[in-house]
Amino acid sequence: MKKRTFAILGLGIFGSSIAQELYQRNFEVIAIDTDIVKVDKIASIGVNAYQADFTNVNSLKAIGMDDVDVGIVASGSRLEDSVMAIMNLKELGVPFVMAKARNNKYMEVLLKVGADKVIIPEKEMGQRVARQLTSEKIVDLYEIDKEYNVYEIKAPNNFINKTLMQLDLRNKYGMNVLGIRDHITGRLKVNIKPDYVIKNTDTLLVIAHADFLDVLKNE
């Protein structure tokens, strides 16, 4: 199976971090910025990086941007540049385009010009941190959409020494267990059997409704 190819347009902290993470996960990555210093820095770890103007559709086409699977417009400071980048990627037939925005107004504009997904990194990270801080049981969480999240939670006291079958988590809490991690060794187990007994060293990786935090507070 052909690996998906990602194009990162804009190599600030946000764009560089995405490019590096995708590269380390063995995806094909093309990184673009007008700043040669940023280009050289990301190229030094092995990423295919180019100095180019991503507001120019011909520059993107010359690099091969019409053959990527996902385009990420990571430069969110200048709205007009992001708009042009999105329109260019869509013109070149990129199937999925994600963009970074500074605020909600920028988000609305970028969605209207064709972005498939728009994020405000600072806002989303702030919300994520706040949710973690307000619950001692939350180790980490990942938002899937407005209704469902993936949570990593410390095993509540009333879960310990009981099997998953006894706990009946899906019916009682509306949660599905994806995996269990031993927080001492860091090892994650998946495909957990119903007769698995929860230990006090376990953290549970679960998918649940966004109001799951309110349910968990009562445990």
C-alpha atoms as a PDB file:
ATOM      1  CA  MET A   1       0.000   0.000   0.000  1.00  0.00           C
ATOM      2  CA  LYS A   2       1.303   3.422  -0.992  1.00  0.00           C
ATOM      3  CA  LYS A   3       2.143   5.656   1.950  1.00  0.00           C
ATOM      4  CA  ARG A   4       0.185   8.872   2.196  1.00  0.00           C
ATOM      5  CA  THR A   5       2.091  11.999   1.249  1.00  0.00           C
ATOM      6  CA  PHE A   6       1.765  15.138   3.352  1.00  0.00           C
ATOM      7  CA  ALA A   7       2.648  18.674   2.276  1.00  0.00           C
ATOM      8  CA  ILE A   8       3.417  21.222   4.989  1.00  0.00           C
ATOM      9  CA  LEU A   9       3.124  24.852   3.892  1.00  0.00           C
ATOM     10  CA  GLY A  10       4.814  27.105   6.427  1.00  0.00           C
ATOM     11  CA  LEU A  11       7.646  26.027   8.703  1.00  0.00           C
ATOM     12  CA  GLY A  12       7.153  27.916  11.922  1.00  0.00           C
ATOM     13  CA  ILE A  13       7.083  25.993  15.196  1.00  0.00           C
ATOM     14  CA  PHE A  14       3.688  24.472  14.369  1.00  0.00           C
ATOM     15  CA  GLY A  15       4.511  23.424  10.803  1.00  0.00           C
ATOM     16  CA  SER A  16       7.999  22.169  11.633  1.00  0.00           C
ATOM     17  CA  SER A  17       6.660  20.074  14.506  1.00  0.00           C
ATOM     18  CA  ILE A  18       4.079  18.431  12.255  1.00  0.00           C
ATOM     19  CA  ALA A  19       6.642  17.805   9.507  1.00  0.00           C
ATOM     20  CA  GLN A  20       9.101  16.236  11.927  1.00  0.00           C
ATOM     21  CA  GLU A  21       6.491  14.031  13.602  1.00  0.00           C
ATOM     22  CA  LEU A  22       5.104  12.767  10.276  1.00  0.00           C
ATOM     23  CA  TYR A  23       8.616  12.092   8.979  1.00  0.00           C
ATOM     24  CA  GLN A  24       9.506  10.136  12.120  1.00  0.00           C
ATOM     25  CA  ARG A  25       6.361   8.074  11.572  1.00  0.00           C
ATOM     26  CA  ASN A  26       7.722   7.171   8.108  1.00  0.00           C
ATOM     27  CA  PHE A  27       5.229   9.147   6.032  1.00  0.00           C
ATOM     28  CA  GLU A  28       6.271  10.943   2.878  1.00  0.00           C
ATOM     29  CA  VAL A  29       6.606  14.642   3.706  1.00  0.00           C
ATOM     30  CA  ILE A  30       7.156  17.725   1.538  1.00  0.00           C
ATOM     31  CA  ALA A  31       7.860  20.931   3.461  1.00  0.00           C
ATOM     32  CA  ILE A  32       7.717  24.446   2.014  1.00  0.00           C
ATOM     33  CA  ASP A  33       8.598  27.900   3.265  1.00  0.00           C
ATOM     34  CA  THR A  34       9.965  31.143   1.837  1.00  0.00           C
ATOM     35  CA  ASP A  35      12.584  31.309   4.614  1.00  0.00           C
ATOM     36  CA  ILE A  36      15.669  29.321   3.555  1.00  0.00           C
ATOM     37  CA  VAL A  37      16.868  29.057   7.166  1.00  0.00           C
ATOM     38  CA  LYS A  38      13.682  27.212   8.148  1.00  0.00           C
ATOM     39  CA  VAL A  39      13.880  25.095   5.009  1.00  0.00           C
ATOM     40  CA  ASP A  40      17.480  24.076   5.681  1.00  0.00           C
ATOM     41  CA  LYS A  41      16.688  23.273   9.311  1.00  0.00           C
ATOM     42  CA  ILE A  42      13.901  20.817   8.497  1.00  0.00           C
ATOM     43  CA  ALA A  43      15.861  19.414   5.559  1.00  0.00           C
ATOM     44  CA  SER A  44      18.733  18.578   7.928  1.00  0.00           C
ATOM     45  CA  ILE A  45      16.676  15.761   9.486  1.00  0.00           C
ATOM     46  CA  GLY A  46      15.849  14.259   6.087  1.00  0.00           C
ATOM     47  CA  VAL A  47      12.560  15.921   5.114  1.00  0.00           C
ATOM     48  CA  ASN A  48      12.161  16.951   1.461  1.00  0.00           C
ATOM     49  CA  ALA A  49      12.074  20.714   1.899  1.00  0.00           C
ATOM     50  CA  TYR A  50      11.862  23.531  -0.629  1.00  0.00           C
ATOM     51  CA  GLN A  51      12.141  27.289  -0.580  1.00  0.00           C
ATOM     52  CA  ALA A  52       9.050  28.406  -2.459  1.00  0.00           C
ATOM     53  CA  ASP A  53       6.119  30.814  -2.436  1.00  0.00           C
ATOM     54  CA  PHE A  54       3.051  28.700  -1.658  1.00  0.00           C
ATOM     55  CA  THR A  55       0.740  31.534  -2.737  1.00  0.00           C
ATOM     56  CA  ASN A  56       1.924  30.826  -6.302  1.00  0.00           C
ATOM     57  CA  VAL A  57       0.157  27.822  -7.775  1.00  0.00           C
ATOM     58  CA  ASN A  58       2.853  27.270 -10.407  1.00  0.00           C
ATOM     59  CA  SER A  59       5.529  27.022  -7.721  1.00  0.00           C
ATOM     60  CA  LEU A  60       3.504  24.353  -5.928  1.00  0.00           C
ATOM     61  CA  LYS A  61       2.902  22.432  -9.137  1.00  0.00           C
ATOM     62  CA  ALA A  62       6.612  22.478  -9.986  1.00  0.00           C
ATOM     63  CA  ILE A  63       7.371  20.855  -6.631  1.00  0.00           C
ATOM     64  CA  GLY A  64       4.822  18.098  -7.251  1.00  0.00           C
ATOM     65  CA  MET A  65       2.081  19.356  -4.985  1.00  0.00           C
ATOM     66  CA  ASP A  66      -0.553  17.945  -7.341  1.00  0.00           C
ATOM     67  CA  ASP A  67       0.410  14.446  -6.182  1.00  0.00           C
ATOM     68  CA  VAL A  68       0.029  14.767  -2.391  1.00  0.00           C
ATOM     69  CA  ASP A  69      -2.762  13.297  -0.287  1.00  0.00           C
ATOM     70  CA  VAL A  70      -2.959  15.883   2.490  1.00  0.00           C
ATOM     71  CA  GLY A  71      -2.010  19.545   2.463  1.00  0.00           C
ATOM     72  CA  ILE A  72      -1.458  21.381   5.751  1.00  0.00           C
ATOM     73  CA  VAL A  73      -1.411  25.176   5.629  1.00  0.00           C
ATOM     74  CA  ALA A  74       0.559  25.825   8.808  1.00  0.00           C
ATOM     75  CA  SER A  75       1.191  29.533   8.368  1.00  0.00           C
ATOM     76  CA  GLY A  76      -1.739  31.259  10.022  1.00  0.00           C
ATOM     77  CA  SER A  77      -0.496  34.792  10.636  1.00  0.00           C
ATOM     78  CA  ARG A  78      -1.447  36.291   7.246  1.00  0.00           C
ATOM     79  CA  LEU A  79      -5.000  35.468   6.260  1.00  0.00           C
ATOM     80  CA  GLU A  80      -4.512  36.288   2.592  1.00  0.00           C
ATOM     81  CA  ASP A  81      -1.555  33.894   2.324  1.00  0.00           C
ATOM     82  CA  SER A  82      -3.546  31.073   3.915  1.00  0.00           C
ATOM     83  CA  VAL A  83      -6.497  31.736   1.603  1.00  0.00           C
ATOM     84  CA  MET A  84      -4.272  31.594  -1.491  1.00  0.00           C
ATOM     85  CA  ALA A  85      -2.526  28.462  -0.258  1.00  0.00           C
ATOM     86  CA  ILE A  86      -5.835  26.646   0.294  1.00  0.00           C
ATOM     87  CA  MET A  87      -7.215  27.706  -3.073  1.00  0.00           C
ATOM     88  CA  ASN A  88      -4.006  26.614  -4.798  1.00  0.00           C
ATOM     89  CA  LEU A  89      -4.004  23.199  -3.136  1.00  0.00           C
ATOM     90  CA  LYS A  90      -7.635  22.664  -4.095  1.00  0.00           C
ATOM     91  CA  GLU A  91      -6.921  23.780  -7.662  1.00  0.00           C
ATOM     92  CA  LEU A  92      -4.152  21.170  -7.830  1.00  0.00           C
ATOM     93  CA  GLY A  93      -6.570  18.483  -6.674  1.00  0.00           C
ATOM     94  CA  VAL A  94      -5.257  17.816  -3.166  1.00  0.00           C
ATOM     95  CA  PRO A  95      -7.971  15.610  -1.568  1.00  0.00           C
ATOM     96  CA  PHE A  96      -7.760  16.923   1.992  1.00  0.00           C
ATOM     97  CA  VAL A  97      -6.593  20.350   3.126  1.00  0.00           C
ATOM     98  CA  MET A  98      -6.177  21.345   6.752  1.00  0.00           C
ATOM     99  CA  ALA A  99      -5.309  24.885   7.802  1.00  0.00           C
ATOM    100  CA  LYS A 100      -4.195  26.732  10.907  1.00  0.00           C
ATOM    101  CA  ALA A 101      -6.142  29.842  11.931  1.00  0.00           C
ATOM    102  CA  ARG A 102      -5.457  32.636  14.409  1.00  0.00           C
ATOM    103  CA  ASN A 103      -9.037  33.015  15.571  1.00  0.00           C
ATOM    104  CA  ASN A 104     -12.652  32.075  14.871  1.00  0.00           C
ATOM    105  CA  LYS A 105     -13.078  34.771  12.206  1.00  0.00           C
ATOM    106  CA  TYR A 106     -10.092  33.420  10.283  1.00  0.00           C
ATOM    107  CA  MET A 107     -11.511  29.911  10.706  1.00  0.00           C
ATOM    108  CA  GLU A 108     -14.813  30.903   9.087  1.00  0.00           C
ATOM    109  CA  VAL A 109     -13.039  32.424   6.092  1.00  0.00           C
ATOM    110  CA  LEU A 110     -10.703  29.470   5.567  1.00  0.00           C
ATOM    111  CA  LEU A 111     -13.568  27.003   5.672  1.00  0.00           C
ATOM    112  CA  LYS A 112     -15.490  29.060   3.117  1.00  0.00           C
ATOM    113  CA  VAL A 113     -12.584  29.087   0.641  1.00  0.00           C
ATOM    114  CA  GLY A 114     -12.250  25.326   0.709  1.00  0.00           C
ATOM    115  CA  ALA A 115     -10.354  24.054   3.754  1.00  0.00           C
ATOM    116  CA  ASP A 116     -11.652  20.655   4.870  1.00  0.00           C
ATOM    117  CA  LYS A 117     -10.592  21.224   8.471  1.00  0.00           C
ATOM    118  CA  VAL A 118      -9.371  24.303  10.338  1.00  0.00           C
ATOM    119  CA  ILE A 119      -7.774  24.327  13.762  1.00  0.00           C
ATOM    120  CA  ILE A 120      -6.743  27.006  16.231  1.00  0.00           C
ATOM    121  CA  PRO A 121      -3.786  25.252  17.939  1.00  0.00           C
ATOM    122  CA  GLU A 122      -3.461  27.578  20.914  1.00  0.00           C
ATOM    123  CA  LYS A 123      -7.193  27.414  21.661  1.00  0.00           C
ATOM    124  CA  GLU A 124      -7.383  23.634  21.304  1.00  0.00           C
ATOM    125  CA  MET A 125      -4.297  23.083  23.431  1.00  0.00           C
ATOM    126  CA  GLY A 126      -5.650  25.435  26.084  1.00  0.00           C
ATOM    127  CA  GLN A 127      -8.939  23.549  26.219  1.00  0.00           C
ATOM    128  CA  ARG A 128      -7.130  20.240  26.392  1.00  0.00           C
ATOM    129  CA  VAL A 129      -4.861  21.343  29.229  1.00  0.00           C
ATOM    130  CA  ALA A 130      -7.791  22.836  31.146  1.00  0.00           C
ATOM    131  CA  ARG A 131      -9.724  19.580  30.915  1.00  0.00           C
ATOM    132  CA  GLN A 132      -6.742  17.623  32.158  1.00  0.00           C
ATOM    133  CA  LEU A 133      -6.190  19.990  35.072  1.00  0.00           C
ATOM    134  CA  THR A 134      -9.807  19.844  36.204  1.00  0.00           C
ATOM    135  CA  SER A 135      -9.787  16.063  36.601  1.00  0.00           C
ATOM    136  CA  GLU A 136      -7.126  14.169  38.519  1.00  0.00           C
ATOM    137  CA  LYS A 137      -8.119  11.001  36.692  1.00  0.00           C
ATOM    138  CA  ILE A 138      -7.368  12.313  33.197  1.00  0.00           C
ATOM    139  CA  VAL A 139      -3.867  11.470  31.958  1.00  0.00           C
ATOM    140  CA  ASP A 140      -4.467  12.679  28.400  1.00  0.00           C
ATOM    141  CA  LEU A 141      -7.272  13.253  25.923  1.00  0.00           C
ATOM    142  CA  TYR A 142      -7.668  13.559  22.166  1.00  0.00           C
ATOM    143  CA  GLU A 143     -10.671  15.253  20.606  1.00  0.00           C
ATOM    144  CA  ILE A 144     -12.228  13.290  17.739  1.00  0.00           C
ATOM    145  CA  ASP A 145     -15.133  15.634  17.086  1.00  0.00           C
ATOM    146  CA  LYS A 146     -17.609  17.757  19.049  1.00  0.00           C
ATOM    147  CA  GLU A 147     -19.276  14.691  20.561  1.00  0.00           C
ATOM    148  CA  TYR A 148     -16.590  12.073  21.181  1.00  0.00           C
ATOM    149  CA  ASN A 149     -13.088  12.028  22.639  1.00  0.00           C
ATOM    150  CA  VAL A 150     -10.392   9.461  23.311  1.00  0.00           C
ATOM    151  CA  TYR A 151      -9.348   9.587  26.972  1.00  0.00           C
ATOM    152  CA  GLU A 152      -6.476   8.026  28.857  1.00  0.00           C
ATOM    153  CA  ILE A 153      -7.628   7.767  32.472  1.00  0.00           C
ATOM    154  CA  LYS A 154      -6.265   6.400  35.717  1.00  0.00           C
ATOM    155  CA  ALA A 155      -8.289   3.392  36.818  1.00  0.00           C
ATOM    156  CA  PRO A 156     -10.886   4.667  39.346  1.00  0.00           C
ATOM    157  CA  ASN A 157     -10.798   2.915  42.719  1.00  0.00           C
ATOM    158  CA  ASN A 158     -14.081   1.130  42.097  1.00  0.00           C
ATOM    159  CA  PHE A 159     -12.655  -0.415  38.883  1.00  0.00           C
ATOM    160  CA  ILE A 160      -9.666  -2.071  40.575  1.00  0.00           C
ATOM    161  CA  ASN A 161      -9.678  -5.860  41.013  1.00  0.00           C
ATOM    162  CA  LYS A 162     -12.724  -6.194  38.770  1.00  0.00           C
ATOM    163  CA  THR A 163     -12.910  -7.634  35.267  1.00  0.00           C
ATOM    164  CA  LEU A 164     -14.080  -5.634  32.279  1.00  0.00           C
ATOM    165  CA  MET A 165     -17.054  -7.955  32.069  1.00  0.00           C
ATOM    166  CA  GLN A 166     -18.017  -7.205  35.667  1.00  0.00           C
ATOM    167  CA  LEU A 167     -17.637  -3.463  35.141  1.00  0.00           C
ATOM    168  CA  ASP A 168     -19.841  -3.477  32.017  1.00  0.00           C
ATOM    169  CA  LEU A 169     -18.348  -0.110  31.060  1.00  0.00           C
ATOM    170  CA  ARG A 170     -20.194   0.302  27.784  1.00  0.00           C
ATOM    171  CA  ASN A 171     -23.633   0.083  29.378  1.00  0.00           C
ATOM    172  CA  LYS A 172     -22.836   1.897  32.635  1.00  0.00           C
ATOM    173  CA  TYR A 173     -20.621   4.695  31.333  1.00  0.00           C
ATOM    174  CA  GLY A 174     -21.012   4.658  27.545  1.00  0.00           C
ATOM    175  CA  MET A 175     -17.295   4.025  27.095  1.00  0.00           C
ATOM    176  CA  ASN A 176     -15.368   1.511  24.997  1.00  0.00           C
ATOM    177  CA  VAL A 177     -11.921   0.345  26.099  1.00  0.00           C
ATOM    178  CA  LEU A 178      -9.344   0.594  23.299  1.00  0.00           C
ATOM    179  CA  GLY A 179      -6.341  -0.444  25.375  1.00  0.00           C
ATOM    180  CA  ILE A 180      -4.809  -0.594  28.844  1.00  0.00           C
ATOM    181  CA  ARG A 181      -1.408   0.805  29.784  1.00  0.00           C
ATOM    182  CA  ASP A 182       0.708  -0.105  32.804  1.00  0.00           C
ATOM    183  CA  HIS A 183       1.787   3.364  33.970  1.00  0.00           C
ATOM    184  CA  ILE A 184       4.931   1.910  35.570  1.00  0.00           C
ATOM    185  CA  THR A 185       6.318   0.151  32.469  1.00  0.00           C
ATOM    186  CA  GLY A 186       4.504   2.368  29.942  1.00  0.00           C
ATOM    187  CA  ARG A 187       3.485  -0.720  27.973  1.00  0.00           C
ATOM    188  CA  LEU A 188       0.146  -0.484  26.156  1.00  0.00           C
ATOM    189  CA  LYS A 189      -1.967  -3.605  25.639  1.00  0.00           C
ATOM    190  CA  VAL A 190      -4.728  -3.723  23.030  1.00  0.00           C
ATOM    191  CA  ASN A 191      -7.418  -6.285  22.214  1.00  0.00           C
ATOM    192  CA  ILE A 192      -8.171  -6.651  25.916  1.00  0.00           C
ATOM    193  CA  LYS A 193     -10.268  -9.705  26.828  1.00  0.00           C
ATOM    194  CA  PRO A 194     -13.457  -9.394  28.930  1.00  0.00           C
ATOM    195  CA  ASP A 195     -11.883 -11.372  31.798  1.00  0.00           C
ATOM    196  CA  TYR A 196      -8.983  -8.892  32.196  1.00  0.00           C
ATOM    197  CA  VAL A 197      -8.710  -7.767  35.833  1.00  0.00           C
ATOM    198  CA  ILE A 198      -8.022  -4.030  36.325  1.00  0.00           C
ATOM    199  CA  LYS A 199      -4.932  -3.284  38.445  1.00  0.00           C
ATOM    200  CA  ASN A 200      -4.146  -0.153  40.444  1.00  0.00           C
ATOM    201  CA  THR A 201      -1.210   0.525  38.097  1.00  0.00           C
ATOM    202  CA  ASP A 202      -3.448   0.599  35.004  1.00  0.00           C
ATOM    203  CA  THR A 203      -4.523   3.520  32.900  1.00  0.00           C
ATOM    204  CA  LEU A 204      -7.359   2.929  30.461  1.00  0.00           C
ATOM    205  CA  LEU A 205      -7.449   4.211  26.895  1.00  0.00           C
ATOM    206  CA  VAL A 206     -11.137   4.673  26.128  1.00  0.00           C
ATOM    207  CA  ILE A 207     -13.430   6.337  23.636  1.00  0.00           C
ATOM    208  CA  ALA A 208     -16.426   8.080  25.183  1.00  0.00           C
ATOM    209  CA  HIS A 209     -18.861  10.966  24.832  1.00  0.00           C
ATOM    210  CA  ALA A 210     -17.604  14.476  25.596  1.00  0.00           C
ATOM    211  CA  ASP A 211     -19.686  14.587  28.802  1.00  0.00           C
ATOM    212  CA  PHE A 212     -17.767  11.579  30.121  1.00  0.00           C
ATOM    213  CA  LEU A 213     -15.725  13.932  32.331  1.00  0.00           C
ATOM    214  CA  ASP A 214     -18.872  14.837  34.267  1.00  0.00           C
ATOM    215  CA  VAL A 215     -19.657  11.155  34.774  1.00  0.00           C
ATOM    216  CA  LEU A 216     -16.099  10.460  35.886  1.00  0.00           C
ATOM    217  CA  LYS A 217     -16.197  13.191  38.554  1.00  0.00           C
ATOM    218  CA  ASN A 218     -18.725  11.133  40.457  1.00  0.00           C
ATOM    219  CA  GLU A 219     -16.480   8.058  40.595  1.00  0.00           C
END
